[in-house]
Amino acid sequence: MQSALTRPILRATAPVALRSFATTPAIMGAGDTGAPKPRGFLAEKDQFQRREAAQEGLWIKQQEKEKLEVLRKKLKEQRKHMDELDKHLEDYIKSQGGEQN
């Protein structure tokens, strides 16, 4: 009977060195860059993300500006073409004797 009582005591005093120590790696969420999170204004974005968003915004504005320039150029060409057609129409009407001035 005495051996049954001493057995749990021996198990409880087992050396701690036999236990394995484990650490969990830092788990990052989607889009995390590893920089510490700021507090307060724009707390959800770090410096890299804000800089990247600003660069994307500038690139988009540049692309839109180039598209507008192309459209303005096309509009000028269309206006020039319409003016030429109006002139030809007036010349044709005058040659037919419609408006004799």
N, C-alpha and C. Protein backbone atom coordinates (compact mmCIF):
# COMPACT_ATOMS: atom_id res chain seq x y z
N MET A 1 0.81 -1.18 0.00
CA MET A 1 0.00 0.00 0.00
C MET A 1 0.86 1.25 0.00
N GLN A 2 1.95 1.16 0.59
CA GLN A 2 2.84 2.31 0.68
C GLN A 2 3.40 2.67 -0.69
N SER A 3 3.65 1.71 -1.51
CA SER A 3 4.19 1.98 -2.84
C SER A 3 3.16 2.68 -3.72
N ALA A 4 1.87 2.42 -3.52
CA ALA A 4 0.83 3.08 -4.29
C ALA A 4 0.74 4.54 -3.93
N LEU A 5 1.02 4.91 -2.71
CA LEU A 5 0.97 6.31 -2.31
C LEU A 5 2.21 7.07 -2.78
N THR A 6 3.30 6.41 -2.84
CA THR A 6 4.52 7.11 -3.25
C THR A 6 4.61 7.28 -4.77
N ARG A 7 3.95 6.46 -5.51
CA ARG A 7 4.01 6.56 -6.96
C ARG A 7 3.48 7.91 -7.49
N PRO A 8 2.29 8.40 -7.07
CA PRO A 8 1.85 9.71 -7.57
C PRO A 8 2.78 10.84 -7.16
N ILE A 9 3.39 10.74 -6.03
CA ILE A 9 4.33 11.77 -5.60
C ILE A 9 5.54 11.78 -6.53
N LEU A 10 6.00 10.63 -6.89
CA LEU A 10 7.13 10.57 -7.80
C LEU A 10 6.78 11.14 -9.17
N ARG A 11 5.59 10.88 -9.62
CA ARG A 11 5.19 11.42 -10.92
C ARG A 11 5.04 12.94 -10.87
N ALA A 12 4.54 13.46 -9.78
CA ALA A 12 4.35 14.90 -9.66
C ALA A 12 5.69 15.61 -9.56
N THR A 13 6.69 14.93 -9.06
CA THR A 13 7.99 15.57 -8.91
C THR A 13 8.93 15.18 -10.05
N ALA A 14 8.40 14.76 -11.17
CA ALA A 14 9.23 14.41 -12.32
C ALA A 14 10.00 15.65 -12.77
N PRO A 15 11.18 15.46 -13.29
CA PRO A 15 11.98 16.61 -13.71
C PRO A 15 11.27 17.43 -14.79
N VAL A 16 11.38 18.71 -14.66
CA VAL A 16 10.72 19.63 -15.58
C VAL A 16 11.46 19.67 -16.91
N ALA A 17 12.71 19.30 -16.93
CA ALA A 17 13.51 19.36 -18.15
C ALA A 17 12.97 18.43 -19.23
N LEU A 18 12.16 17.48 -18.86
CA LEU A 18 11.60 16.58 -19.86
C LEU A 18 10.49 17.23 -20.66
N ARG A 19 9.94 18.30 -20.15
CA ARG A 19 8.87 18.99 -20.87
C ARG A 19 9.46 19.76 -22.05
N SER A 20 8.75 19.76 -23.14
CA SER A 20 9.22 20.52 -24.30
C SER A 20 8.58 21.90 -24.29
N PHE A 21 9.38 22.87 -24.55
CA PHE A 21 8.89 24.24 -24.61
C PHE A 21 8.62 24.59 -26.07
N ALA A 22 7.45 25.10 -26.32
CA ALA A 22 7.08 25.45 -27.69
C ALA A 22 6.65 26.91 -27.72
N THR A 23 7.03 27.57 -28.78
CA THR A 23 6.57 28.94 -28.99
C THR A 23 5.77 28.96 -30.28
N THR A 24 4.77 29.78 -30.30
CA THR A 24 3.96 29.89 -31.52
C THR A 24 4.51 31.05 -32.35
N PRO A 25 4.59 30.88 -33.65
CA PRO A 25 5.08 31.97 -34.49
C PRO A 25 4.04 33.08 -34.57
N ALA A 26 4.53 34.27 -34.83
CA ALA A 26 3.62 35.39 -34.99
C ALA A 26 2.82 35.19 -36.28
N ILE A 27 1.54 35.18 -36.16
CA ILE A 27 0.68 34.95 -37.32
C ILE A 27 0.19 36.31 -37.81
N MET A 28 0.41 36.54 -39.10
CA MET A 28 0.00 37.82 -39.68
C MET A 28 -1.28 37.63 -40.48
N GLY A 29 -2.09 38.64 -40.45
CA GLY A 29 -3.31 38.61 -41.24
C GLY A 29 -3.03 39.02 -42.67
N ALA A 30 -4.02 38.94 -43.50
CA ALA A 30 -3.87 39.32 -44.90
C ALA A 30 -3.58 40.81 -45.00
N GLY A 31 -2.53 41.17 -45.70
CA GLY A 31 -2.19 42.57 -45.90
C GLY A 31 -1.29 43.16 -44.84
N ASP A 32 -0.95 42.41 -43.80
CA ASP A 32 -0.06 42.93 -42.77
C ASP A 32 1.35 43.03 -43.31
N THR A 33 2.04 44.09 -42.93
CA THR A 33 3.42 44.28 -43.38
C THR A 33 4.43 44.09 -42.26
N GLY A 34 3.96 43.90 -41.06
CA GLY A 34 4.86 43.65 -39.95
C GLY A 34 5.23 44.90 -39.17
N ALA A 35 4.85 46.06 -39.64
CA ALA A 35 5.15 47.29 -38.92
C ALA A 35 4.18 47.42 -37.74
N PRO A 36 4.64 48.06 -36.67
CA PRO A 36 3.73 48.23 -35.54
C PRO A 36 2.56 49.13 -35.92
N LYS A 37 1.42 48.84 -35.36
CA LYS A 37 0.21 49.59 -35.69
C LYS A 37 0.23 50.95 -34.99
N PRO A 38 -0.07 52.02 -35.71
CA PRO A 38 -0.16 53.33 -35.07
C PRO A 38 -1.47 53.44 -34.31
N ARG A 39 -1.53 54.39 -33.44
CA ARG A 39 -2.75 54.61 -32.67
C ARG A 39 -3.39 55.90 -33.13
N GLY A 40 -4.69 55.97 -33.04
CA GLY A 40 -5.39 57.20 -33.38
C GLY A 40 -5.79 57.25 -34.84
N PHE A 41 -5.54 58.40 -35.47
CA PHE A 41 -5.95 58.65 -36.85
C PHE A 41 -5.31 57.65 -37.79
N LEU A 42 -6.11 57.05 -38.66
CA LEU A 42 -5.66 56.03 -39.61
C LEU A 42 -4.98 54.85 -38.94
N ALA A 43 -5.53 54.40 -37.83
CA ALA A 43 -4.91 53.32 -37.07
C ALA A 43 -4.92 52.00 -37.83
N GLU A 44 -5.77 51.86 -38.82
CA GLU A 44 -5.84 50.58 -39.53
C GLU A 44 -4.77 50.44 -40.59
N LYS A 45 -4.05 51.50 -40.93
CA LYS A 45 -3.03 51.43 -41.98
C LYS A 45 -1.67 51.84 -41.42
N ASP A 46 -0.62 51.15 -41.86
CA ASP A 46 0.71 51.57 -41.45
C ASP A 46 1.30 52.49 -42.52
N GLN A 47 2.49 52.96 -42.29
CA GLN A 47 3.12 53.95 -43.16
C GLN A 47 3.29 53.43 -44.59
N PHE A 48 3.72 52.19 -44.73
CA PHE A 48 3.93 51.63 -46.06
C PHE A 48 2.62 51.57 -46.84
N GLN A 49 1.56 51.15 -46.18
CA GLN A 49 0.26 51.04 -46.85
C GLN A 49 -0.27 52.41 -47.26
N ARG A 50 -0.06 53.43 -46.41
CA ARG A 50 -0.50 54.78 -46.78
C ARG A 50 0.30 55.30 -47.97
N ARG A 51 1.61 55.05 -47.97
CA ARG A 51 2.46 55.51 -49.07
C ARG A 51 2.07 54.81 -50.37
N GLU A 52 1.81 53.52 -50.29
CA GLU A 52 1.42 52.75 -51.47
C GLU A 52 0.08 53.25 -52.02
N ALA A 53 -0.87 53.53 -51.14
CA ALA A 53 -2.17 54.04 -51.57
C ALA A 53 -2.02 55.41 -52.23
N ALA A 54 -1.14 56.26 -51.69
CA ALA A 54 -0.91 57.58 -52.28
C ALA A 54 -0.29 57.45 -53.67
N GLN A 55 0.67 56.54 -53.82
CA GLN A 55 1.30 56.34 -55.13
C GLN A 55 0.30 55.80 -56.14
N GLU A 56 -0.56 54.92 -55.72
CA GLU A 56 -1.59 54.40 -56.63
C GLU A 56 -2.54 55.52 -57.05
N GLY A 57 -2.89 56.38 -56.10
CA GLY A 57 -3.77 57.51 -56.41
C GLY A 57 -3.14 58.45 -57.43
N LEU A 58 -1.86 58.74 -57.26
CA LEU A 58 -1.16 59.60 -58.22
C LEU A 58 -1.08 58.95 -59.59
N TRP A 59 -0.82 57.66 -59.63
CA TRP A 59 -0.74 56.95 -60.91
C TRP A 59 -2.09 56.99 -61.63
N ILE A 60 -3.16 56.77 -60.89
CA ILE A 60 -4.50 56.79 -61.49
C ILE A 60 -4.81 58.18 -62.03
N LYS A 61 -4.48 59.22 -61.26
CA LYS A 61 -4.73 60.59 -61.73
C LYS A 61 -3.94 60.89 -62.99
N GLN A 62 -2.70 60.41 -63.05
CA GLN A 62 -1.87 60.62 -64.24
C GLN A 62 -2.49 59.93 -65.45
N GLN A 63 -2.97 58.70 -65.27
CA GLN A 63 -3.60 57.97 -66.37
C GLN A 63 -4.86 58.68 -66.85
N GLU A 64 -5.67 59.17 -65.92
CA GLU A 64 -6.89 59.88 -66.30
C GLU A 64 -6.56 61.18 -67.02
N LYS A 65 -5.51 61.86 -66.57
CA LYS A 65 -5.09 63.10 -67.22
C LYS A 65 -4.67 62.83 -68.67
N GLU A 66 -3.92 61.76 -68.89
CA GLU A 66 -3.50 61.41 -70.25
C GLU A 66 -4.70 61.06 -71.12
N LYS A 67 -5.67 60.36 -70.57
CA LYS A 67 -6.87 60.02 -71.33
C LYS A 67 -7.65 61.27 -71.70
N LEU A 68 -7.75 62.22 -70.77
CA LEU A 68 -8.45 63.47 -71.06
C LEU A 68 -7.74 64.26 -72.16
N GLU A 69 -6.42 64.27 -72.15
CA GLU A 69 -5.68 64.97 -73.19
C GLU A 69 -5.95 64.34 -74.56
N VAL A 70 -5.99 63.02 -74.62
CA VAL A 70 -6.28 62.34 -75.89
C VAL A 70 -7.69 62.69 -76.36
N LEU A 71 -8.66 62.70 -75.44
CA LEU A 71 -10.03 63.04 -75.80
C LEU A 71 -10.14 64.48 -76.28
N ARG A 72 -9.43 65.41 -75.63
CA ARG A 72 -9.44 66.81 -76.07
C ARG A 72 -8.85 66.96 -77.47
N LYS A 73 -7.80 66.23 -77.73
CA LYS A 73 -7.19 66.27 -79.06
C LYS A 73 -8.16 65.76 -80.11
N LYS A 74 -8.83 64.65 -79.82
CA LYS A 74 -9.82 64.11 -80.75
C LYS A 74 -10.97 65.09 -80.96
N LEU A 75 -11.41 65.75 -79.90
CA LEU A 75 -12.49 66.72 -80.00
C LEU A 75 -12.09 67.89 -80.91
N LYS A 76 -10.86 68.37 -80.77
CA LYS A 76 -10.38 69.45 -81.64
C LYS A 76 -10.36 69.01 -83.09
N GLU A 77 -9.90 67.78 -83.34
CA GLU A 77 -9.89 67.27 -84.71
C GLU A 77 -11.30 67.15 -85.26
N GLN A 78 -12.25 66.71 -84.45
CA GLN A 78 -13.63 66.60 -84.90
C GLN A 78 -14.23 67.97 -85.20
N ARG A 79 -13.92 68.96 -84.36
CA ARG A 79 -14.42 70.32 -84.60
C ARG A 79 -13.84 70.88 -85.89
N LYS A 80 -12.55 70.63 -86.10
CA LYS A 80 -11.92 71.10 -87.33
C LYS A 80 -12.58 70.44 -88.54
N HIS A 81 -12.84 69.16 -88.46
CA HIS A 81 -13.50 68.43 -89.55
C HIS A 81 -14.91 68.97 -89.79
N MET A 82 -15.66 69.24 -88.71
CA MET A 82 -17.01 69.80 -88.85
C MET A 82 -16.98 71.18 -89.49
N ASP A 83 -15.99 72.01 -89.12
CA ASP A 83 -15.85 73.33 -89.74
C ASP A 83 -15.58 73.20 -91.23
N GLU A 84 -14.73 72.25 -91.61
CA GLU A 84 -14.45 72.03 -93.03
C GLU A 84 -15.71 71.57 -93.78
N LEU A 85 -16.49 70.69 -93.15
CA LEU A 85 -17.73 70.25 -93.78
C LEU A 85 -18.73 71.39 -93.93
N ASP A 86 -18.82 72.25 -92.91
CA ASP A 86 -19.70 73.42 -93.01
C ASP A 86 -19.26 74.33 -94.16
N LYS A 87 -17.96 74.54 -94.31
CA LYS A 87 -17.45 75.39 -95.38
C LYS A 87 -17.78 74.79 -96.75
N HIS A 88 -17.59 73.48 -96.89
CA HIS A 88 -17.91 72.82 -98.15
C HIS A 88 -19.41 72.91 -98.45
N LEU A 89 -20.23 72.77 -97.41
CA LEU A 89 -21.67 72.87 -97.60
C LEU A 89 -22.07 74.27 -98.06
N GLU A 90 -21.49 75.30 -97.43
CA GLU A 90 -21.78 76.68 -97.84
C GLU A 90 -21.33 76.93 -99.27
N ASP A 91 -20.14 76.43 -99.64
CA ASP A 91 -19.66 76.59 -101.01
C ASP A 91 -20.60 75.89 -101.99
N TYR A 92 -21.09 74.73 -101.64
CA TYR A 92 -21.98 73.98 -102.52
C TYR A 92 -23.30 74.73 -102.71
N ILE A 93 -23.84 75.26 -101.60
CA ILE A 93 -25.10 76.01 -101.68
C ILE A 93 -24.91 77.24 -102.55
N LYS A 94 -23.81 77.96 -102.40
CA LYS A 94 -23.54 79.15 -103.21
C LYS A 94 -23.37 78.80 -104.67
N SER A 95 -22.74 77.66 -104.95
CA SER A 95 -22.54 77.26 -106.34
C SER A 95 -23.85 76.83 -107.00
N GLN A 96 -24.82 76.39 -106.24
CA GLN A 96 -26.12 76.01 -106.77
C GLN A 96 -27.04 77.19 -106.95
N GLY A 97 -26.61 78.35 -106.48
CA GLY A 97 -27.41 79.54 -106.64
C GLY A 97 -28.41 79.75 -105.55
N GLY A 98 -28.21 79.11 -104.40
CA GLY A 98 -29.16 79.26 -103.31
C GLY A 98 -29.07 80.61 -102.64
N GLU A 99 -27.94 81.01 -102.24
CA GLU A 99 -27.75 82.30 -101.58
C GLU A 99 -26.86 83.15 -102.45
N GLN A 100 -27.43 83.97 -103.27
CA GLN A 100 -26.66 84.84 -104.16
C GLN A 100 -26.44 86.16 -103.45
N ASN A 101 -25.25 86.37 -102.96
CA ASN A 101 -24.93 87.64 -102.26
C ASN A 101 -24.04 88.47 -103.11
